[in-house]
Amino acid sequence: PVPDFIDNKITSLFSFQDRLGCVTPNNVSFSGTGDYFNFFRTTVRDIDASDPFTAAPNLTKGDSLRKAIPFERELVLLANESQYTVKATEGLSPSTVAIVQSSNVSAGIHPSVAVVGSDMFISNTEAESSGVTALRKSRQASDRFDVFDTSMDTPGFLPRAPIQMTGSSKHKMLFYLDNGISTGARTELYVYSWLDTKDGRSQSAWSKWTFGADYNIHDI
């Protein structure tokens, strides 16, 4: 069969378990194992574990895939309103792959994503501001995420449309860079910091670092 991205827009590219992947609004296509530019099976009579293949989550009406992010030794597919985990306990292959819904977080059309330690942070843009949600693998169900809204206590604090998010697991910090439209230049960096204990997240807070007018932050 012809790979789905031949006739559909590619929304994201990724590498996972020695395969190149292409995300389209409804499907995700995997190359052959170690054969990154081959998306066609070697034979139609048999299915080899290293063959390319296409898989699709059970999307809700109107939802579409945006990104694919390796996370906690698995692959997470981000859609507008939901997140899905690609499961392959015995290695990723056409016969072992399964996709399960893991959470329902509204991420919008162009989410920024950052993996920091055991957390995945996803931005979601609203009418006048943005928010950031943290996902962490649930202790109760291996195929589910625990969801935590980091910005629930600071509504309107984060400007719309971040262009980049990254973080430091050592310092337990997430850095959020917006597009600078509100200030005319990228002179501000928003920082989320937290403290985890054996009982969970005990403290967390958003702050803003403001640099001088001579600065214009291009990358973090």
C-alpha atoms as a PDB file:
ATOM      1  CA  PRO A   1       0.000   0.000   0.000  1.00  0.00           C
ATOM      2  CA  VAL A   2       1.035   3.614  -0.588  1.00  0.00           C
ATOM      3  CA  PRO A   3       2.104   5.433   2.600  1.00  0.00           C
ATOM      4  CA  ASP A   4      -0.513   7.833   3.927  1.00  0.00           C
ATOM      5  CA  PHE A   5       1.765  10.878   3.646  1.00  0.00           C
ATOM      6  CA  ILE A   6       1.863  10.606  -0.162  1.00  0.00           C
ATOM      7  CA  ASP A   7      -1.581  12.227  -0.421  1.00  0.00           C
ATOM      8  CA  ASN A   8      -1.792  13.970   2.967  1.00  0.00           C
ATOM      9  CA  LYS A   9       0.039  16.752   4.756  1.00  0.00           C
ATOM     10  CA  ILE A  10       2.943  15.733   6.998  1.00  0.00           C
ATOM     11  CA  THR A  11       2.492  17.421  10.374  1.00  0.00           C
ATOM     12  CA  SER A  12       5.560  15.980  12.114  1.00  0.00           C
ATOM     13  CA  LEU A  13       8.666  13.836  11.586  1.00  0.00           C
ATOM     14  CA  PHE A  14      10.315  11.706  14.266  1.00  0.00           C
ATOM     15  CA  SER A  15      12.709   8.832  14.918  1.00  0.00           C
ATOM     16  CA  PHE A  16      11.727   5.926  17.172  1.00  0.00           C
ATOM     17  CA  GLN A  17      13.174   2.423  17.669  1.00  0.00           C
ATOM     18  CA  ASP A  18      15.433   2.732  14.596  1.00  0.00           C
ATOM     19  CA  ARG A  19      12.568   3.817  12.349  1.00  0.00           C
ATOM     20  CA  LEU A  20      11.787   7.143  10.700  1.00  0.00           C
ATOM     21  CA  GLY A  21       8.180   8.217  11.170  1.00  0.00           C
ATOM     22  CA  CYS A  22       5.807  10.592   9.410  1.00  0.00           C
ATOM     23  CA  VAL A  23       2.686  11.941  11.095  1.00  0.00           C
ATOM     24  CA  THR A  24      -0.343  12.938   9.036  1.00  0.00           C
ATOM     25  CA  PRO A  25      -3.677  14.194  10.414  1.00  0.00           C
ATOM     26  CA  ASN A  26      -5.128  10.681  10.754  1.00  0.00           C
ATOM     27  CA  ASN A  27      -2.229   8.204  10.633  1.00  0.00           C
ATOM     28  CA  VAL A  28       1.388   7.625  11.513  1.00  0.00           C
ATOM     29  CA  SER A  29       3.708   5.866   9.034  1.00  0.00           C
ATOM     30  CA  PHE A  30       6.873   4.019  10.087  1.00  0.00           C
ATOM     31  CA  SER A  31       9.799   3.248   7.803  1.00  0.00           C
ATOM     32  CA  GLY A  32      11.540  -0.106   7.715  1.00  0.00           C
ATOM     33  CA  THR A  33      13.807  -0.872  10.666  1.00  0.00           C
ATOM     34  CA  GLY A  34      17.190   0.722   9.922  1.00  0.00           C
ATOM     35  CA  ASP A  35      15.941   1.545   6.424  1.00  0.00           C
ATOM     36  CA  TYR A  36      14.837   5.104   7.045  1.00  0.00           C
ATOM     37  CA  PHE A  37      13.730   6.058   3.536  1.00  0.00           C
ATOM     38  CA  ASN A  38      11.859   2.863   2.748  1.00  0.00           C
ATOM     39  CA  PHE A  39       8.106   2.994   3.372  1.00  0.00           C
ATOM     40  CA  PHE A  40       7.139   0.048   1.157  1.00  0.00           C
ATOM     41  CA  ARG A  41       6.951  -3.590   2.246  1.00  0.00           C
ATOM     42  CA  THR A  42       9.334  -6.098   0.723  1.00  0.00           C
ATOM     43  CA  THR A  43       6.499  -8.545  -0.010  1.00  0.00           C
ATOM     44  CA  VAL A  44       2.706  -8.574   0.156  1.00  0.00           C
ATOM     45  CA  ARG A  45       2.501 -12.271   0.987  1.00  0.00           C
ATOM     46  CA  ASP A  46       4.284 -12.176   4.347  1.00  0.00           C
ATOM     47  CA  ILE A  47       4.705  -9.601   7.091  1.00  0.00           C
ATOM     48  CA  ASP A  48       8.254  -9.196   8.328  1.00  0.00           C
ATOM     49  CA  ALA A  49       8.943  -7.614  11.713  1.00  0.00           C
ATOM     50  CA  SER A  50      11.239  -5.037  10.093  1.00  0.00           C
ATOM     51  CA  ASP A  51       8.746  -4.024   7.372  1.00  0.00           C
ATOM     52  CA  PRO A  52       7.347  -0.483   7.118  1.00  0.00           C
ATOM     53  CA  PHE A  53       3.758  -0.029   8.258  1.00  0.00           C
ATOM     54  CA  THR A  54       1.053   2.531   8.981  1.00  0.00           C
ATOM     55  CA  ALA A  55      -1.004   2.717  12.174  1.00  0.00           C
ATOM     56  CA  ALA A  56      -3.932   4.897  13.210  1.00  0.00           C
ATOM     57  CA  PRO A  57      -5.421   5.836  16.585  1.00  0.00           C
ATOM     58  CA  ASN A  58      -9.160   5.875  17.132  1.00  0.00           C
ATOM     59  CA  LEU A  59      -9.543   9.644  16.787  1.00  0.00           C
ATOM     60  CA  THR A  60     -12.680  11.432  17.880  1.00  0.00           C
ATOM     61  CA  LYS A  61     -14.578  13.405  15.259  1.00  0.00           C
ATOM     62  CA  GLY A  62     -12.766  16.598  14.301  1.00  0.00           C
ATOM     63  CA  ASP A  63      -9.531  15.627  16.046  1.00  0.00           C
ATOM     64  CA  SER A  64      -6.263  15.318  14.111  1.00  0.00           C
ATOM     65  CA  LEU A  65      -2.672  14.331  14.874  1.00  0.00           C
ATOM     66  CA  ARG A  66      -0.064  17.094  15.240  1.00  0.00           C
ATOM     67  CA  LYS A  67       3.150  15.678  16.699  1.00  0.00           C
ATOM     68  CA  ALA A  68       4.895  12.480  17.795  1.00  0.00           C
ATOM     69  CA  ILE A  69       7.225  12.665  20.807  1.00  0.00           C
ATOM     70  CA  PRO A  70       9.371   9.816  22.243  1.00  0.00           C
ATOM     71  CA  PHE A  71       8.624   9.728  25.971  1.00  0.00           C
ATOM     72  CA  GLU A  72       9.414   7.206  28.715  1.00  0.00           C
ATOM     73  CA  ARG A  73      10.559   4.581  26.146  1.00  0.00           C
ATOM     74  CA  GLU A  74       7.282   4.882  24.272  1.00  0.00           C
ATOM     75  CA  LEU A  75       5.933   7.138  21.545  1.00  0.00           C
ATOM     76  CA  VAL A  76       3.250   9.708  22.341  1.00  0.00           C
ATOM     77  CA  LEU A  77       1.011  11.040  19.577  1.00  0.00           C
ATOM     78  CA  LEU A  78      -0.403  14.500  20.179  1.00  0.00           C
ATOM     79  CA  ALA A  79      -3.746  15.426  18.663  1.00  0.00           C
ATOM     80  CA  ASN A  80      -5.751  18.634  19.032  1.00  0.00           C
ATOM     81  CA  GLU A  81      -7.761  17.335  21.966  1.00  0.00           C
ATOM     82  CA  SER A  82      -6.193  14.002  23.018  1.00  0.00           C
ATOM     83  CA  GLN A  83      -2.932  12.131  23.460  1.00  0.00           C
ATOM     84  CA  TYR A  84      -2.213   8.548  22.414  1.00  0.00           C
ATOM     85  CA  THR A  85       0.569   6.105  23.276  1.00  0.00           C
ATOM     86  CA  VAL A  86       2.102   3.731  20.732  1.00  0.00           C
ATOM     87  CA  LYS A  87       2.579   0.453  22.602  1.00  0.00           C
ATOM     88  CA  ALA A  88       5.032  -2.207  21.448  1.00  0.00           C
ATOM     89  CA  THR A  89       6.186  -4.321  24.388  1.00  0.00           C
ATOM     90  CA  GLU A  90       8.094  -6.800  22.215  1.00  0.00           C
ATOM     91  CA  GLY A  91       9.591  -4.264  19.812  1.00  0.00           C
ATOM     92  CA  LEU A  92       7.870  -2.068  17.270  1.00  0.00           C
ATOM     93  CA  SER A  93       6.581  -4.103  14.328  1.00  0.00           C
ATOM     94  CA  PRO A  94       3.484  -4.358  12.118  1.00  0.00           C
ATOM     95  CA  SER A  95       2.144  -7.285  14.155  1.00  0.00           C
ATOM     96  CA  THR A  96       2.847  -5.950  17.687  1.00  0.00           C
ATOM     97  CA  VAL A  97       1.945  -2.257  17.462  1.00  0.00           C
ATOM     98  CA  ALA A  98      -1.082  -0.920  19.329  1.00  0.00           C
ATOM     99  CA  ILE A  99      -2.244   2.650  19.932  1.00  0.00           C
ATOM    100  CA  VAL A 100      -4.206   3.540  23.069  1.00  0.00           C
ATOM    101  CA  GLN A 101      -5.649   6.836  24.239  1.00  0.00           C
ATOM    102  CA  SER A 102      -3.741   8.055  27.297  1.00  0.00           C
ATOM    103  CA  SER A 103      -5.178  11.483  28.154  1.00  0.00           C
ATOM    104  CA  ASN A 104      -7.495  14.254  27.013  1.00  0.00           C
ATOM    105  CA  VAL A 105      -5.619  17.539  26.987  1.00  0.00           C
ATOM    106  CA  SER A 106      -6.509  20.351  24.609  1.00  0.00           C
ATOM    107  CA  ALA A 107      -3.292  21.215  22.762  1.00  0.00           C
ATOM    108  CA  GLY A 108      -4.606  23.188  19.806  1.00  0.00           C
ATOM    109  CA  ILE A 109      -3.206  23.271  16.290  1.00  0.00           C
ATOM    110  CA  HIS A 110       0.424  24.275  16.961  1.00  0.00           C
ATOM    111  CA  PRO A 111       1.410  23.056  20.434  1.00  0.00           C
ATOM    112  CA  SER A 112       4.897  23.512  21.831  1.00  0.00           C
ATOM    113  CA  VAL A 113       6.203  20.443  23.646  1.00  0.00           C
ATOM    114  CA  ALA A 114       9.090  19.859  26.056  1.00  0.00           C
ATOM    115  CA  VAL A 115      10.117  16.659  27.822  1.00  0.00           C
ATOM    116  CA  VAL A 116      11.843  17.359  31.134  1.00  0.00           C
ATOM    117  CA  GLY A 117      12.729  14.290  33.174  1.00  0.00           C
ATOM    118  CA  SER A 118       9.578  12.248  33.740  1.00  0.00           C
ATOM    119  CA  ASP A 119       7.235  15.070  32.653  1.00  0.00           C
ATOM    120  CA  MET A 120       5.977  16.093  29.235  1.00  0.00           C
ATOM    121  CA  PHE A 121       4.838  19.715  29.044  1.00  0.00           C
ATOM    122  CA  ILE A 122       2.299  20.775  26.395  1.00  0.00           C
ATOM    123  CA  SER A 123       1.243  24.335  25.640  1.00  0.00           C
ATOM    124  CA  ASN A 124      -2.326  25.244  24.778  1.00  0.00           C
ATOM    125  CA  THR A 125      -3.201  28.624  23.337  1.00  0.00           C
ATOM    126  CA  GLU A 126      -6.386  30.403  24.356  1.00  0.00           C
ATOM    127  CA  ALA A 127      -7.964  33.639  23.124  1.00  0.00           C
ATOM    128  CA  GLU A 128      -5.688  36.066  24.987  1.00  0.00           C
ATOM    129  CA  SER A 129      -3.119  33.860  26.712  1.00  0.00           C
ATOM    130  CA  SER A 130      -1.654  30.373  26.917  1.00  0.00           C
ATOM    131  CA  GLY A 131      -1.450  27.580  29.440  1.00  0.00           C
ATOM    132  CA  VAL A 132       0.925  24.676  29.999  1.00  0.00           C
ATOM    133  CA  THR A 133      -0.159  21.188  31.041  1.00  0.00           C
ATOM    134  CA  ALA A 134       2.172  18.527  32.433  1.00  0.00           C
ATOM    135  CA  LEU A 135       1.736  14.830  31.679  1.00  0.00           C
ATOM    136  CA  ARG A 136       3.306  12.034  33.705  1.00  0.00           C
ATOM    137  CA  LYS A 137       2.850   8.271  33.426  1.00  0.00           C
ATOM    138  CA  SER A 138       0.205   7.131  35.873  1.00  0.00           C
ATOM    139  CA  ARG A 139       1.157   4.792  38.693  1.00  0.00           C
ATOM    140  CA  GLN A 140      -2.289   3.187  38.569  1.00  0.00           C
ATOM    141  CA  ALA A 141      -2.463   2.434  34.811  1.00  0.00           C
ATOM    142  CA  SER A 142       0.597   2.060  32.593  1.00  0.00           C
ATOM    143  CA  ASP A 143      -1.214   3.276  29.484  1.00  0.00           C
ATOM    144  CA  ARG A 144      -2.618   6.440  31.104  1.00  0.00           C
ATOM    145  CA  PHE A 145      -1.168   9.856  31.991  1.00  0.00           C
ATOM    146  CA  ASP A 146      -1.700  11.864  35.133  1.00  0.00           C
ATOM    147  CA  VAL A 147      -2.528  15.425  34.083  1.00  0.00           C
ATOM    148  CA  PHE A 148      -1.540  18.599  35.933  1.00  0.00           C
ATOM    149  CA  ASP A 149      -2.381  22.134  34.793  1.00  0.00           C
ATOM    150  CA  THR A 150       0.733  24.137  35.745  1.00  0.00           C
ATOM    151  CA  SER A 151      -0.907  27.482  34.984  1.00  0.00           C
ATOM    152  CA  MET A 152      -4.246  26.982  36.748  1.00  0.00           C
ATOM    153  CA  ASP A 153      -3.253  29.445  39.508  1.00  0.00           C
ATOM    154  CA  THR A 154      -1.864  32.057  37.101  1.00  0.00           C
ATOM    155  CA  PRO A 155      -4.565  32.578  34.452  1.00  0.00           C
ATOM    156  CA  GLY A 156      -3.550  35.110  31.817  1.00  0.00           C
ATOM    157  CA  PHE A 157       0.092  35.193  32.951  1.00  0.00           C
ATOM    158  CA  LEU A 158       1.592  33.392  29.955  1.00  0.00           C
ATOM    159  CA  PRO A 159       1.417  35.248  26.621  1.00  0.00           C
ATOM    160  CA  ARG A 160      -0.098  33.567  23.588  1.00  0.00           C
ATOM    161  CA  ALA A 161       1.720  31.349  21.128  1.00  0.00           C
ATOM    162  CA  PRO A 162       5.062  30.223  22.564  1.00  0.00           C
ATOM    163  CA  ILE A 163       7.673  29.660  19.887  1.00  0.00           C
ATOM    164  CA  GLN A 164       9.830  27.404  22.033  1.00  0.00           C
ATOM    165  CA  MET A 165       9.810  25.470  25.296  1.00  0.00           C
ATOM    166  CA  THR A 166      12.723  23.597  26.829  1.00  0.00           C
ATOM    167  CA  GLY A 167      13.804  22.622  30.311  1.00  0.00           C
ATOM    168  CA  SER A 168      16.387  21.381  32.771  1.00  0.00           C
ATOM    169  CA  SER A 169      15.665  18.191  34.704  1.00  0.00           C
ATOM    170  CA  LYS A 170      18.656  18.895  36.969  1.00  0.00           C
ATOM    171  CA  HIS A 171      17.296  22.262  38.081  1.00  0.00           C
ATOM    172  CA  LYS A 172      13.617  21.276  37.682  1.00  0.00           C
ATOM    173  CA  MET A 173      12.818  24.209  35.432  1.00  0.00           C
ATOM    174  CA  LEU A 174      10.785  24.731  32.277  1.00  0.00           C
ATOM    175  CA  PHE A 175      11.583  27.708  30.041  1.00  0.00           C
ATOM    176  CA  TYR A 176       8.880  29.309  27.902  1.00  0.00           C
ATOM    177  CA  LEU A 177       9.708  31.773  25.109  1.00  0.00           C
ATOM    178  CA  ASP A 178       6.847  33.650  23.472  1.00  0.00           C
ATOM    179  CA  ASN A 179       6.823  35.311  20.059  1.00  0.00           C
ATOM    180  CA  GLY A 180       7.401  38.794  21.452  1.00  0.00           C
ATOM    181  CA  ILE A 181       4.348  40.353  19.803  1.00  0.00           C
ATOM    182  CA  SER A 182       3.039  41.865  23.043  1.00  0.00           C
ATOM    183  CA  THR A 183       6.342  43.633  23.849  1.00  0.00           C
ATOM    184  CA  GLY A 184       7.711  44.202  20.351  1.00  0.00           C
ATOM    185  CA  ALA A 185      10.803  42.100  21.111  1.00  0.00           C
ATOM    186  CA  ARG A 186      11.709  38.849  22.791  1.00  0.00           C
ATOM    187  CA  THR A 187      13.100  40.277  26.004  1.00  0.00           C
ATOM    188  CA  GLU A 188      11.219  38.068  28.468  1.00  0.00           C
ATOM    189  CA  LEU A 189      11.561  34.436  29.458  1.00  0.00           C
ATOM    190  CA  TYR A 190       8.875  32.680  31.495  1.00  0.00           C
ATOM    191  CA  VAL A 191      10.084  30.034  33.930  1.00  0.00           C
ATOM    192  CA  TYR A 192       8.177  27.246  35.674  1.00  0.00           C
ATOM    193  CA  SER A 193      10.037  25.685  38.616  1.00  0.00           C
ATOM    194  CA  TRP A 194       8.964  22.878  40.916  1.00  0.00           C
ATOM    195  CA  LEU A 195       9.916  20.639  43.808  1.00  0.00           C
ATOM    196  CA  ASP A 196       8.971  16.956  43.935  1.00  0.00           C
ATOM    197  CA  THR A 197       8.985  14.763  47.026  1.00  0.00           C
ATOM    198  CA  LYS A 198       8.058  11.135  47.590  1.00  0.00           C
ATOM    199  CA  ASP A 199       4.461  12.289  48.026  1.00  0.00           C
ATOM    200  CA  GLY A 200       4.365  14.101  44.690  1.00  0.00           C
ATOM    201  CA  ARG A 201       4.761  17.721  43.619  1.00  0.00           C
ATOM    202  CA  SER A 202       4.904  19.774  46.807  1.00  0.00           C
ATOM    203  CA  GLN A 203       5.746  23.201  45.367  1.00  0.00           C
ATOM    204  CA  SER A 204       5.619  24.878  41.963  1.00  0.00           C
ATOM    205  CA  ALA A 205       5.475  28.395  40.582  1.00  0.00           C
ATOM    206  CA  TRP A 206       5.695  30.482  37.406  1.00  0.00           C
ATOM    207  CA  SER A 207       7.995  33.510  37.237  1.00  0.00           C
ATOM    208  CA  LYS A 208       9.253  35.895  34.578  1.00  0.00           C
ATOM    209  CA  TRP A 209      12.815  36.844  33.759  1.00  0.00           C
ATOM    210  CA  THR A 210      13.046  40.226  32.055  1.00  0.00           C
ATOM    211  CA  PHE A 211      16.163  41.142  30.117  1.00  0.00           C
ATOM    212  CA  GLY A 212      17.234  44.569  28.994  1.00  0.00           C
ATOM    213  CA  ALA A 213      15.884  46.385  25.960  1.00  0.00           C
ATOM    214  CA  ASP A 214      19.124  45.620  24.106  1.00  0.00           C
ATOM    215  CA  TYR A 215      18.343  41.899  24.217  1.00  0.00           C
ATOM    216  CA  ASN A 216      16.298  39.938  21.703  1.00  0.00           C
ATOM    217  CA  ILE A 217      16.134  36.254  22.598  1.00  0.00           C
ATOM    218  CA  HIS A 218      16.267  34.022  19.526  1.00  0.00           C
ATOM    219  CA  ASP A 219      16.764  30.593  21.094  1.00  0.00           C
ATOM    220  CA  ILE A 220      16.826  28.837  24.457  1.00  0.00           C
END
